[in-house]
Protein backbone atom coordinates (compact mmCIF):
# COMPACT_ATOMS: atom_id res chain seq x y z
CA MET A 1 -10.80 16.54 -3.81
CA ALA A 2 -7.05 15.59 -5.54
CA LYS A 3 -7.32 11.48 -7.32
CA PHE A 4 -4.00 10.00 -5.80
CA LYS A 5 -3.75 6.43 -7.22
CA ILE A 6 -1.39 3.88 -7.05
CA THR A 7 -2.48 0.19 -8.58
CA ILE A 8 0.73 -2.72 -8.34
CA ASP A 9 -0.56 -4.71 -11.30
CA GLY A 10 -0.21 -7.99 -11.78
CA VAL A 11 -0.52 -9.62 -8.24
CA ASP A 12 -4.10 -10.27 -8.77
CA SER A 13 -4.39 -11.89 -12.04
CA THR A 14 -0.76 -14.11 -11.63
CA ILE A 15 -2.41 -15.86 -8.51
CA ARG A 16 -5.88 -15.85 -9.56
CA ARG A 17 -4.80 -18.35 -12.17
CA LYS A 18 -2.48 -20.66 -10.04
CA LEU A 19 -5.24 -20.77 -7.10
CA THR A 20 -8.47 -22.39 -6.47
CA ASP A 21 -8.47 -22.85 -2.79
CA ALA A 22 -10.11 -20.04 -0.83
CA LYS A 23 -7.81 -20.58 1.82
CA ALA A 24 -4.49 -19.68 0.60
CA ARG A 25 -6.28 -16.54 -1.35
CA ASN A 26 -6.81 -15.67 2.10
CA GLU A 27 -3.18 -15.94 3.23
CA LEU A 28 -2.18 -13.75 0.32
CA ASP A 29 -4.98 -11.29 0.89
CA ALA A 30 -3.94 -10.76 4.09
CA ILE A 31 -0.08 -10.68 3.21
CA ILE A 32 -1.72 -7.91 0.96
CA MET A 33 -3.16 -6.51 3.88
CA THR A 34 -0.32 -5.45 6.05
CA SER A 35 1.52 -4.39 3.01
CA ILE A 36 -0.72 -2.19 2.38
CA ASN A 37 -1.19 -1.69 6.12
CA ASN A 38 2.93 -1.18 6.22
CA LEU A 39 2.59 1.14 3.18
CA GLY A 40 0.35 3.62 5.48
CA GLN A 41 2.69 3.82 8.57
CA LYS A 42 5.59 4.28 6.83
CA ALA A 43 4.12 7.85 4.65
CA ALA A 44 2.86 8.82 7.54
CA GLN A 45 5.69 8.83 9.20
CA ARG A 46 7.64 10.48 6.80
CA ALA A 47 4.62 12.80 5.55
CA PRO A 48 5.27 16.45 6.61
CA VAL A 49 3.48 17.40 9.73
CA ASP A 50 1.96 21.24 10.64
CA THR A 51 -1.39 20.24 12.36
CA GLY A 52 -1.27 16.38 12.08
CA ARG A 53 -3.81 16.04 9.48
CA LEU A 54 -2.18 14.99 6.91
CA ARG A 55 -0.20 12.04 8.51
CA ASN A 56 -3.29 10.78 10.32
CA SER A 57 -4.93 10.39 7.07
CA LEU A 58 -2.98 8.36 5.72
CA MET A 59 -4.15 5.39 7.68
CA ALA A 60 -7.80 6.20 7.77
CA TYR A 61 -7.89 5.80 4.59
CA ILE A 62 -7.32 2.01 3.55
CA GLU A 63 -10.20 0.32 2.83
CA LYS A 64 -10.90 -2.95 1.24
CA ARG A 65 -12.24 -2.84 -2.80
CA GLY A 66 -12.38 -6.96 -3.27
CA GLU A 67 -10.43 -10.41 -2.45
CA MET A 68 -6.51 -9.06 -2.87
CA ASN A 69 -7.62 -5.53 -3.83
CA TRP A 70 -7.26 -3.00 -0.98
CA VAL A 71 -6.64 1.28 -1.83
CA MET A 72 -5.17 3.85 0.18
CA LYS A 73 -6.88 6.85 -0.90
CA GLU A 74 -5.63 10.33 0.22
CA GLY A 75 -7.26 11.80 2.46
CA THR A 76 -7.04 15.48 2.39
CA GLU A 77 -6.96 18.21 -0.05
CA TYR A 78 -3.67 18.73 -0.05
CA THR A 79 -2.27 14.55 -0.24
CA VAL A 80 -0.87 15.50 -3.94
CA TYR A 81 0.67 19.36 -3.66
CA GLN A 82 2.52 17.87 -0.27
CA GLU A 83 3.99 14.07 -2.21
CA TYR A 84 5.75 16.12 -5.74
CA ASN A 85 5.77 20.25 -3.98
CA ASN A 86 6.72 19.86 0.28
CA PRO A 87 8.74 23.30 0.54
CA ASN A 88 10.48 22.17 2.90
CA GLY A 89 11.95 18.90 1.29
CA LYS A 90 9.00 16.42 2.60
CA GLN A 91 7.94 15.43 -1.27
CA ALA A 92 8.15 11.71 -2.08
CA PHE A 93 6.72 10.84 1.20
CA ILE A 94 3.99 7.93 -0.56
CA ARG A 95 6.75 7.37 -3.20
CA THR A 96 10.15 6.54 -1.43
CA SER A 97 7.10 4.77 1.04
CA LEU A 98 5.86 2.55 -1.95
CA TYR A 99 9.11 1.99 -3.46
CA GLU A 100 10.01 0.39 -0.82
CA GLU A 101 6.87 -2.18 0.27
CA VAL A 102 7.11 -3.19 -2.91
CA GLU A 103 10.61 -4.75 -2.68
CA ASN A 104 9.27 -6.14 1.11
CA LEU A 105 5.80 -7.67 -0.33
CA LYS A 106 7.46 -9.40 -3.59
CA ARG A 107 10.29 -11.34 -0.33
CA GLU A 108 6.66 -12.19 1.14
CA LEU A 109 5.44 -13.70 -1.56
CA HIS A 110 8.44 -15.39 -2.74
CA MET A 111 7.96 -16.78 0.85
CA TRP A 112 4.44 -17.74 1.16
CA LYS A 113 5.52 -19.64 -2.59
CA ARG A 114 8.04 -21.24 -0.85
CA LYS A 115 6.44 -22.26 2.02
CA LYS A 116 3.24 -23.99 -0.58
CA THR A 117 4.80 -25.60 -3.01
CA ARG A 118 7.43 -27.96 -0.14
């Protein structure tokens, strides 16, 4: 099975430097969990569909690897091929969803930070 990994660097290390409060870390972990689930849902909605296996796998292969560390793995042997080479113009369903969700995540983190600094 092909490897397909997207990582958003910097969030964890930046936050860890500023946070020692377990409640705050849990709140951030929940924000990140929501974001990765949103990414999976958006990608599934945009994914090309033949049998539905690809679409269904996008949400099924989200897992927590550690504090503020979530992973969405490809669940079919053809996820990467479809992402880059779909003949029906449905490629970039993961990347498009990722770019959109990164902006949402930035907004959520900004709102969380503002709430914490009041």
